[in-house]
Amino acid sequence: MHAVRSSLLLLLASLAAPATAGEPFYLQSNDRVVFYGDSITDQRLYTTFIETYVVTRFPERNVQFVHSGWGGDRVTGGGGGPIDVRLKRDVFAYRPTVMTIMLGMNDGSYRAFDESIFKTYANGMDSIVEKVKAELPGIKITLIQPSPFDDVTRKPTFEGGYNAVLVRYGDYLKELAEKQGATLADLNTSVVEATKKAFDAVGEQATTLNPDRVHPAPGGQLLMAAALLDAWKAPALVSNVQLNVKGEANVEVEKLENAKVKDLAQENGGLHWTQRDDSLPFPMDTKDKGIKLALDSSDVLNQLNRQTLRVKGLESDRFDLKIDGQEVGSFSKQELADGVNLATLSTPMSKQAAEVHAQTLLHNQIHFVRWRQIQVPLSKLTSPFLDETLADLDRLEGEIVAKQRELAQPKEHRFQLTPKG
């Protein structure tokens, strides 16, 4: 009787669980995203974090990503050619449905605000948006307010500091976004706030977030990725599983979100069940000191990565949690009743997500080699072998992307809670 009741509750809970909550996520199935910008985008850090988040959180959506940042770029172009060349070759050729634009760090010329320099930037951004919309009707554009110049951990080089100049440029982007119906993403404010908090906590060690003041390290770029994902209404939820032990041989599923549970049963004062989440956690390498500092100084973990397991009604004081036979943590019954965020632990799911991120980095490296080391330098060479080489690299990248998507598919896992001691 108890088994039948438990199975019925499991079925009802899984049917009732919504896939997502809140506003729809900005990127939809079959979107093609081009990230456009200068060297900060060229680092392929905030962009690859975002790609991996999307692929692991929405494994059923076939969203494609192209990273088109070029060091030194301004609104007029740069080392990759003038702006019209850059747009035609590095944006339009991919027929994106979504484009992000982050320029400004170089445009301000690393000096106090200058009206004539600013006008060049404003006119250039206006022109870029107009050209993109004319070439790609219906495209969704996200204008990114420039990431910070670090005037927090080191003294400004002139009165007011260079980041204040970038903030003024970002204020103009807000006006432009409203005028053009574009999305606006602020990659400055939250990063500065986290840097201030880190600086207050660890002093000069906070420079690890942005070592040269311009190019954030992975920790700083994780903060940037979180800010862009916030503008895109990215859900925090990975999964939410809530169980309630109501007596011997009576355990119920109280809530399921983005997850399915089966074979739930009590055993020797503990529980075991099989669980399959609809997505994977976003991998965050907390062994990287900069990433750990970024997480300690912000709300990014809660903002992007909630994979909750909550178990009420347990009798013993402490429990070991194993997933697929691997011990992932030891928790008091109160901690389990309050809820444990599995995304903070080394689990089979987080390891799988890390494998997805490795493929993200690999396919982007292949694209970079194809674009920056072959296509552009040899653009004046006419040869069928060049065409074949580029086509082969495209196929190779496609193979890696296919593997990335395969690895992102969630799997069933066996959970076991055992009384400790």
Protein backbone atom coordinates (compact mmCIF):
# COMPACT_ATOMS: atom_id res chain seq x y z
CA MET A 1 0.00 0.00 0.00
CA HIS A 2 2.81 2.40 0.96
CA ALA A 3 4.68 1.55 -2.25
CA VAL A 4 1.60 2.27 -4.36
CA ARG A 5 1.03 5.58 -2.56
CA SER A 6 4.67 6.57 -3.01
CA SER A 7 4.61 5.71 -6.72
CA LEU A 8 1.42 7.72 -7.24
CA LEU A 9 2.89 10.73 -5.49
CA LEU A 10 6.04 10.46 -7.59
CA LEU A 11 3.99 10.43 -10.78
CA LEU A 12 1.86 13.39 -9.77
CA ALA A 13 4.87 15.41 -8.66
CA SER A 14 6.77 14.79 -11.88
CA LEU A 15 3.75 15.76 -13.98
CA ALA A 16 3.14 18.91 -11.99
CA ALA A 17 6.73 20.13 -11.94
CA PRO A 18 7.26 23.13 -14.22
CA ALA A 19 10.27 23.06 -16.55
CA THR A 20 11.27 26.63 -15.75
CA ALA A 21 10.04 29.53 -13.68
CA GLY A 22 9.94 33.26 -14.27
CA GLU A 23 10.50 35.08 -17.54
CA PRO A 24 11.59 33.08 -20.59
CA PHE A 25 15.31 32.79 -21.18
CA TYR A 26 16.60 35.10 -23.90
CA LEU A 27 18.08 32.38 -26.12
CA GLN A 28 15.70 29.98 -27.82
CA SER A 29 16.12 26.79 -29.84
CA ASN A 30 18.21 27.19 -32.99
CA ASP A 31 19.49 30.65 -32.11
CA ARG A 32 22.95 31.52 -33.46
CA VAL A 33 24.93 33.86 -31.22
CA VAL A 34 27.90 35.99 -32.24
CA PHE A 35 29.88 37.59 -29.42
CA TYR A 36 31.53 40.74 -30.85
CA GLY A 37 34.09 42.91 -29.12
CA ASP A 38 37.70 43.70 -28.36
CA SER A 39 40.41 41.82 -26.45
CA ILE A 40 38.19 41.22 -23.42
CA THR A 41 35.86 39.22 -25.65
CA ASP A 42 38.89 37.82 -27.48
CA GLN A 43 39.95 36.18 -24.20
CA ARG A 44 37.08 33.72 -24.73
CA LEU A 45 36.27 33.50 -21.05
CA TYR A 46 32.94 35.19 -20.26
CA THR A 47 31.75 33.97 -23.65
CA THR A 48 32.70 30.33 -23.09
CA PHE A 49 31.26 30.42 -19.56
CA ILE A 50 27.97 31.58 -21.08
CA GLU A 51 28.08 28.95 -23.81
CA THR A 52 28.63 26.15 -21.31
CA TYR A 53 25.87 27.50 -19.06
CA VAL A 54 23.41 27.46 -21.97
CA VAL A 55 24.43 24.02 -23.23
CA THR A 56 24.23 22.43 -19.77
CA ARG A 57 21.10 24.25 -18.58
CA PHE A 58 19.15 23.83 -21.83
CA PRO A 59 20.54 20.63 -23.38
CA GLU A 60 17.52 20.30 -25.66
CA ARG A 61 18.12 23.68 -27.36
CA ASN A 62 20.43 23.70 -30.34
CA VAL A 63 22.00 27.11 -29.73
CA GLN A 64 25.19 27.84 -31.69
CA PHE A 65 27.97 30.20 -30.61
CA VAL A 66 30.67 32.11 -32.49
CA HIS A 67 33.28 34.16 -30.64
CA SER A 68 34.39 37.16 -32.72
CA GLY A 69 36.43 39.32 -30.36
CA TRP A 70 39.62 40.97 -31.64
CA GLY A 71 42.19 42.59 -29.38
CA GLY A 72 42.51 46.36 -29.73
CA ASP A 73 39.20 46.85 -31.50
CA ARG A 74 37.24 50.08 -31.38
CA VAL A 75 33.98 51.06 -33.02
CA THR A 76 36.00 51.86 -36.14
CA GLY A 77 37.63 48.42 -36.24
CA GLY A 78 41.24 47.54 -35.52
CA GLY A 79 43.81 44.84 -36.16
CA GLY A 80 41.25 42.67 -37.91
CA GLY A 81 40.39 45.40 -40.39
CA PRO A 82 38.02 48.36 -40.51
CA ILE A 83 34.58 47.94 -39.02
CA ASP A 84 32.85 47.09 -42.32
CA VAL A 85 35.34 44.28 -42.96
CA ARG A 86 34.94 43.00 -39.42
CA LEU A 87 31.16 43.00 -39.61
CA LYS A 88 30.98 41.32 -43.02
CA ARG A 89 33.56 38.60 -42.30
CA ASP A 90 33.15 38.03 -38.56
CA VAL A 91 29.43 38.63 -38.02
CA PHE A 92 27.29 38.64 -41.16
CA ALA A 93 28.95 35.51 -42.57
CA TYR A 94 27.47 33.49 -39.69
CA ARG A 95 23.91 34.84 -40.11
CA PRO A 96 23.38 35.19 -36.36
CA THR A 97 19.97 35.59 -34.79
CA VAL A 98 21.60 37.11 -31.69
CA MET A 99 24.59 39.45 -31.42
CA THR A 100 26.29 40.91 -28.38
CA ILE A 101 28.50 44.00 -28.73
CA MET A 102 31.02 45.07 -26.10
CA LEU A 103 33.28 47.94 -27.14
CA GLY A 104 34.54 50.95 -25.24
CA MET A 105 37.64 49.95 -23.30
CA ASN A 106 39.91 51.08 -26.13
CA ASP A 107 37.53 53.74 -27.48
CA GLY A 108 37.96 55.92 -24.39
CA SER A 109 41.73 56.02 -25.03
CA TYR A 110 42.57 55.40 -21.34
CA ARG A 111 42.31 59.09 -20.47
CA ALA A 112 39.90 61.50 -18.81
CA PHE A 113 36.57 61.97 -20.54
CA ASP A 114 36.93 63.81 -23.83
CA GLU A 115 33.82 64.95 -25.68
CA SER A 116 35.24 64.53 -29.18
CA ILE A 117 36.50 61.01 -28.42
CA PHE A 118 33.13 60.14 -26.94
CA LYS A 119 31.29 61.39 -30.03
CA THR A 120 33.37 59.06 -32.18
CA TYR A 121 32.32 56.18 -29.95
CA ALA A 122 28.64 57.16 -29.87
CA ASN A 123 28.45 57.68 -33.62
CA GLY A 124 30.31 54.43 -34.22
CA MET A 125 27.97 52.41 -31.99
CA ASP A 126 24.97 53.99 -33.70
CA SER A 127 26.41 53.00 -37.06
CA ILE A 128 27.20 49.42 -36.04
CA VAL A 129 23.68 48.81 -34.76
CA GLU A 130 22.12 50.32 -37.89
CA LYS A 131 24.30 48.23 -40.20
CA VAL A 132 23.61 45.01 -38.29
CA LYS A 133 19.86 45.58 -38.30
CA ALA A 134 19.90 46.42 -42.02
CA GLU A 135 21.85 43.28 -42.91
CA LEU A 136 20.09 40.95 -40.46
CA PRO A 137 16.43 42.00 -40.04
CA GLY A 138 14.92 40.59 -36.87
CA ILE A 139 18.23 40.02 -35.12
CA LYS A 140 18.25 40.42 -31.33
CA ILE A 141 21.07 42.73 -30.22
CA THR A 142 22.49 42.94 -26.72
CA LEU A 143 24.52 46.07 -26.04
CA ILE A 144 27.04 45.48 -23.27
CA GLN A 145 28.04 48.32 -20.99
CA PRO A 146 31.84 47.94 -20.85
CA SER A 147 33.45 45.79 -18.19
CA PRO A 148 35.46 47.75 -15.61
CA PHE A 149 38.90 49.24 -15.65
CA ASP A 150 40.04 48.32 -12.15
CA ASP A 151 40.20 51.54 -10.15
CA VAL A 152 39.33 49.65 -6.96
CA THR A 153 42.41 47.61 -6.06
CA ARG A 154 44.81 50.23 -7.49
CA LYS A 155 44.62 54.01 -7.39
CA PRO A 156 43.16 55.79 -10.42
CA THR A 157 45.75 57.18 -12.81
CA PHE A 158 43.89 60.49 -13.03
CA GLU A 159 41.16 62.27 -11.10
CA GLY A 160 37.90 60.33 -11.17
CA GLY A 161 39.54 57.29 -12.75
CA TYR A 162 39.12 55.62 -16.12
CA ASN A 163 36.27 53.39 -15.04
CA ALA A 164 34.13 56.49 -14.55
CA VAL A 165 34.70 57.23 -18.23
CA LEU A 166 33.55 53.74 -19.17
CA VAL A 167 30.44 54.19 -17.03
CA ARG A 168 29.59 57.32 -19.02
CA TYR A 169 29.99 55.33 -22.22
CA GLY A 170 27.69 52.70 -20.72
CA ASP A 171 25.10 55.37 -19.93
CA TYR A 172 25.01 56.23 -23.63
CA LEU A 173 24.47 52.56 -24.48
CA LYS A 174 21.41 52.58 -22.25
CA GLU A 175 19.96 55.39 -24.35
CA LEU A 176 20.91 53.60 -27.58
CA ALA A 177 19.34 50.34 -26.40
CA GLU A 178 16.07 52.11 -25.62
CA LYS A 179 16.10 53.85 -29.00
CA GLN A 180 16.92 50.70 -30.98
CA GLY A 181 14.89 48.20 -29.00
CA ALA A 182 18.03 46.33 -27.97
CA THR A 183 18.72 44.46 -24.75
CA LEU A 184 21.14 46.12 -22.33
CA ALA A 185 23.62 44.22 -20.17
CA ASP A 186 25.63 45.93 -17.43
CA LEU A 187 28.99 44.17 -17.08
CA ASN A 188 30.43 46.94 -14.93
CA THR A 189 28.39 47.61 -11.80
CA SER A 190 28.19 44.12 -10.30
CA VAL A 191 31.84 43.40 -11.13
CA VAL A 192 32.96 46.59 -9.39
CA GLU A 193 30.79 45.76 -6.36
CA ALA A 194 32.29 42.27 -6.11
CA THR A 195 35.80 43.68 -6.53
CA LYS A 196 35.20 46.15 -3.69
CA LYS A 197 33.95 43.35 -1.46
CA ALA A 198 36.95 41.19 -2.34
CA PHE A 199 39.35 44.08 -1.74
CA ASP A 200 37.84 44.73 1.67
CA ALA A 201 38.21 41.05 2.52
CA VAL A 202 41.63 40.11 1.12
CA GLY A 203 43.33 43.36 0.17
CA GLU A 204 45.74 43.29 -2.75
CA GLN A 205 44.92 39.62 -3.43
CA ALA A 206 41.77 40.98 -5.06
CA THR A 207 43.94 41.99 -8.01
CA THR A 208 43.66 38.36 -9.12
CA LEU A 209 40.19 39.24 -10.45
CA ASN A 210 41.72 41.67 -12.97
CA PRO A 211 45.52 41.46 -12.93
CA ASP A 212 46.29 44.18 -15.50
CA ARG A 213 43.22 46.33 -14.71
CA VAL A 214 41.80 45.77 -18.22
CA HIS A 215 41.59 42.02 -18.89
CA PRO A 216 39.77 40.14 -16.14
CA ALA A 217 41.05 36.70 -15.18
CA PRO A 218 38.60 33.76 -15.04
CA GLY A 219 37.15 34.94 -11.71
CA GLY A 220 36.40 38.40 -13.02
CA GLN A 221 35.09 37.00 -16.28
CA LEU A 222 32.77 34.67 -14.37
CA LEU A 223 31.27 37.76 -12.75
CA MET A 224 30.85 39.28 -16.22
CA ALA A 225 29.19 36.13 -17.54
CA ALA A 226 26.76 36.19 -14.63
CA ALA A 227 25.87 39.81 -15.40
CA LEU A 228 25.13 39.05 -19.05
CA LEU A 229 23.14 35.96 -18.14
CA ASP A 230 21.17 38.05 -15.66
CA ALA A 231 20.24 40.45 -18.46
CA TRP A 232 19.09 37.42 -20.43
CA LYS A 233 16.85 36.21 -17.55
CA ALA A 234 18.89 33.07 -16.97
CA PRO A 235 17.25 30.73 -14.44
CA ALA A 236 19.11 29.78 -11.30
CA LEU A 237 17.36 26.44 -11.08
CA VAL A 238 19.18 23.28 -12.04
CA SER A 239 16.81 21.03 -10.14
CA ASN A 240 14.86 20.92 -6.91
CA VAL A 241 14.06 17.64 -5.18
CA GLN A 242 12.27 17.65 -1.84
CA LEU A 243 11.60 14.42 0.04
CA ASN A 244 9.78 13.84 3.31
CA VAL A 245 10.13 10.79 5.52
CA LYS A 246 6.84 10.41 7.38
CA GLY A 247 7.47 7.18 9.18
CA GLU A 248 8.70 3.67 8.60
CA ALA A 249 8.04 2.58 5.00
CA ASN A 250 6.42 5.94 4.25
CA VAL A 251 8.50 8.45 2.30
CA GLU A 252 6.96 11.01 -0.03
CA VAL A 253 8.12 13.31 -2.78
CA GLU A 254 6.91 16.75 -1.77
CA LYS A 255 8.28 18.69 -4.73
CA LEU A 256 10.07 18.09 -8.01
CA GLU A 257 11.35 20.78 -10.35
CA ASN A 258 13.40 19.91 -13.43
CA ALA A 259 13.89 16.39 -12.14
CA LYS A 260 12.40 12.91 -12.10
CA VAL A 261 12.67 10.45 -9.22
CA LYS A 262 11.89 6.74 -9.15
CA ASP A 263 12.52 3.67 -6.98
CA LEU A 264 12.38 5.75 -3.81
CA ALA A 265 12.60 3.59 -0.69
CA GLN A 266 13.84 3.51 2.89
CA GLU A 267 16.63 1.19 3.92
CA ASN A 268 18.34 0.76 7.31
CA GLY A 269 17.36 4.22 8.51
CA GLY A 270 18.36 5.88 5.26
CA LEU A 271 17.02 6.37 1.75
CA HIS A 272 17.89 5.41 -1.80
CA TRP A 273 16.39 6.47 -5.12
CA THR A 274 17.16 7.02 -8.78
CA GLN A 275 17.16 10.61 -10.03
CA ARG A 276 17.47 12.22 -13.44
CA ASP A 277 17.66 16.00 -13.60
CA ASP A 278 16.63 17.83 -16.76
CA SER A 279 19.91 19.74 -16.86
CA LEU A 280 23.43 19.77 -15.47
CA PRO A 281 24.92 22.20 -12.96
CA PHE A 282 27.09 25.00 -14.30
CA PRO A 283 30.72 23.91 -13.68
CA MET A 284 32.71 26.33 -11.52
CA ASP A 285 36.34 25.46 -10.82
CA THR A 286 36.69 26.51 -7.21
CA LYS A 287 40.30 25.25 -7.21
CA ASP A 288 41.02 28.42 -9.19
CA LYS A 289 41.65 31.01 -6.45
CA GLY A 290 40.23 33.82 -8.56
CA ILE A 291 36.99 31.96 -9.23
CA LYS A 292 36.63 31.08 -5.56
CA LEU A 293 37.21 34.72 -4.64
CA ALA A 294 34.60 35.81 -7.20
CA LEU A 295 32.06 33.39 -5.73
CA ASP A 296 32.86 34.45 -2.16
CA SER A 297 32.42 38.10 -3.14
CA SER A 298 29.15 37.81 -5.06
CA ASP A 299 25.83 36.02 -5.27
CA VAL A 300 26.74 34.22 -8.52
CA LEU A 301 26.30 30.74 -7.09
CA ASN A 302 22.77 31.47 -5.90
CA GLN A 303 22.07 33.44 -9.07
CA LEU A 304 23.05 30.68 -11.52
CA ASN A 305 23.49 27.32 -9.84
CA ARG A 306 20.82 25.96 -7.51
CA GLN A 307 20.61 22.17 -7.52
CA THR A 308 18.70 21.54 -4.33
CA LEU A 309 18.22 18.33 -2.41
CA ARG A 310 16.00 18.67 0.66
CA VAL A 311 15.08 15.73 2.89
CA LYS A 312 12.87 16.16 5.94
CA GLY A 313 11.89 13.74 8.66
CA LEU A 314 15.16 11.81 8.98
CA GLU A 315 15.85 10.37 12.42
CA SER A 316 19.62 9.89 12.68
CA ASP A 317 21.81 12.91 13.39
CA ARG A 318 24.11 12.67 10.38
CA PHE A 319 24.13 11.06 6.93
CA ASP A 320 26.58 10.22 4.18
CA LEU A 321 25.40 10.98 0.65
CA LYS A 322 26.61 8.81 -2.19
CA ILE A 323 25.78 9.23 -5.86
CA ASP A 324 26.55 6.27 -8.11
CA GLY A 325 28.54 4.83 -5.23
CA GLN A 326 30.73 7.93 -4.96
CA GLU A 327 30.71 9.71 -1.60
CA VAL A 328 29.95 13.37 -2.22
CA GLY A 329 29.37 14.69 1.30
CA SER A 330 28.32 14.22 4.90
CA PHE A 331 25.44 16.26 6.27
CA SER A 332 23.48 16.70 9.46
CA LYS A 333 19.78 15.96 9.35
CA GLN A 334 19.18 19.70 9.84
CA GLU A 335 21.34 20.55 6.83
CA LEU A 336 19.39 18.06 4.75
CA ALA A 337 16.09 19.42 6.04
CA ASP A 338 17.18 22.97 5.13
CA GLY A 339 18.42 21.86 1.72
CA VAL A 340 21.83 21.05 0.25
CA ASN A 341 23.00 22.68 -2.98
CA LEU A 342 24.51 19.78 -4.92
CA ALA A 343 26.01 22.22 -7.42
CA THR A 344 28.63 23.14 -4.81
CA LEU A 345 29.84 19.54 -4.52
CA SER A 346 31.98 17.24 -6.60
CA THR A 347 29.30 14.99 -8.06
CA PRO A 348 29.02 12.85 -11.18
CA MET A 349 26.84 15.62 -12.59
CA SER A 350 29.37 18.39 -11.98
CA LYS A 351 32.14 16.23 -13.46
CA GLN A 352 30.00 15.63 -16.54
CA ALA A 353 29.43 19.38 -16.84
CA ALA A 354 33.18 19.99 -16.62
CA GLU A 355 33.63 17.61 -19.56
CA VAL A 356 31.11 19.70 -21.50
CA HIS A 357 33.11 22.85 -20.74
CA ALA A 358 36.29 21.17 -21.97
CA GLN A 359 34.58 20.60 -25.32
CA THR A 360 33.40 24.23 -25.33
CA LEU A 361 36.98 25.41 -24.99
CA LEU A 362 38.21 22.96 -27.62
CA HIS A 363 35.74 23.91 -30.34
CA ASN A 364 36.43 27.59 -29.73
CA GLN A 365 40.17 26.98 -30.04
CA ILE A 366 39.60 25.22 -33.35
CA HIS A 367 37.50 28.14 -34.57
CA PHE A 368 40.17 30.60 -33.45
CA VAL A 369 42.90 28.75 -35.36
CA ARG A 370 40.72 28.52 -38.46
CA TRP A 371 39.79 32.21 -38.34
CA ARG A 372 42.80 34.06 -36.97
CA GLN A 373 45.68 31.88 -38.09
CA ILE A 374 44.47 30.66 -41.48
CA GLN A 375 41.41 32.45 -42.90
CA VAL A 376 42.46 36.04 -42.23
CA PRO A 377 46.25 35.82 -42.81
CA LEU A 378 45.76 33.85 -46.04
CA SER A 379 42.74 35.77 -47.30
CA LYS A 380 44.55 36.89 -50.48
CA LEU A 381 45.65 33.38 -51.35
CA THR A 382 43.58 31.64 -54.00
CA SER A 383 43.87 27.89 -53.66
CA PRO A 384 41.46 24.95 -53.54
CA PHE A 385 43.66 23.53 -50.78
CA LEU A 386 42.94 26.56 -48.62
CA ASP A 387 39.20 26.11 -49.17
CA GLU A 388 39.52 22.42 -48.30
CA THR A 389 41.52 23.20 -45.16
CA LEU A 390 38.91 25.66 -43.92
CA ALA A 391 36.11 23.20 -44.71
CA ASP A 392 37.95 20.42 -42.87
CA LEU A 393 38.39 22.63 -39.81
CA ASP A 394 34.69 23.50 -39.91
CA ARG A 395 33.85 19.80 -39.97
CA LEU A 396 36.26 19.14 -37.12
CA GLU A 397 34.70 21.89 -35.04
CA GLY A 398 31.25 20.52 -35.84
CA GLU A 399 32.35 17.11 -34.61
CA ILE A 400 33.52 18.61 -31.31
CA VAL A 401 30.27 20.56 -30.92
CA ALA A 402 28.30 17.36 -31.51
CA LYS A 403 30.32 15.67 -28.75
CA GLN A 404 29.73 18.68 -26.48
CA ARG A 405 25.97 18.37 -26.98
CA GLU A 406 26.05 14.62 -26.43
CA LEU A 407 27.95 15.06 -23.17
CA ALA A 408 25.43 17.68 -22.02
CA GLN A 409 22.54 15.20 -22.01
CA PRO A 410 21.55 14.41 -18.39
CA LYS A 411 21.78 10.85 -17.07
CA GLU A 412 20.12 8.82 -14.35
CA HIS A 413 22.01 8.59 -11.07
CA ARG A 414 21.60 6.40 -8.03
CA PHE A 415 21.36 8.35 -4.75
CA GLN A 416 21.93 6.83 -1.35
CA LEU A 417 21.61 8.49 2.07
CA THR A 418 23.11 6.35 4.84
CA PRO A 419 23.12 7.10 8.58
CA LYS A 420 26.66 7.90 9.74
CA GLY A 421 28.23 6.08 12.63
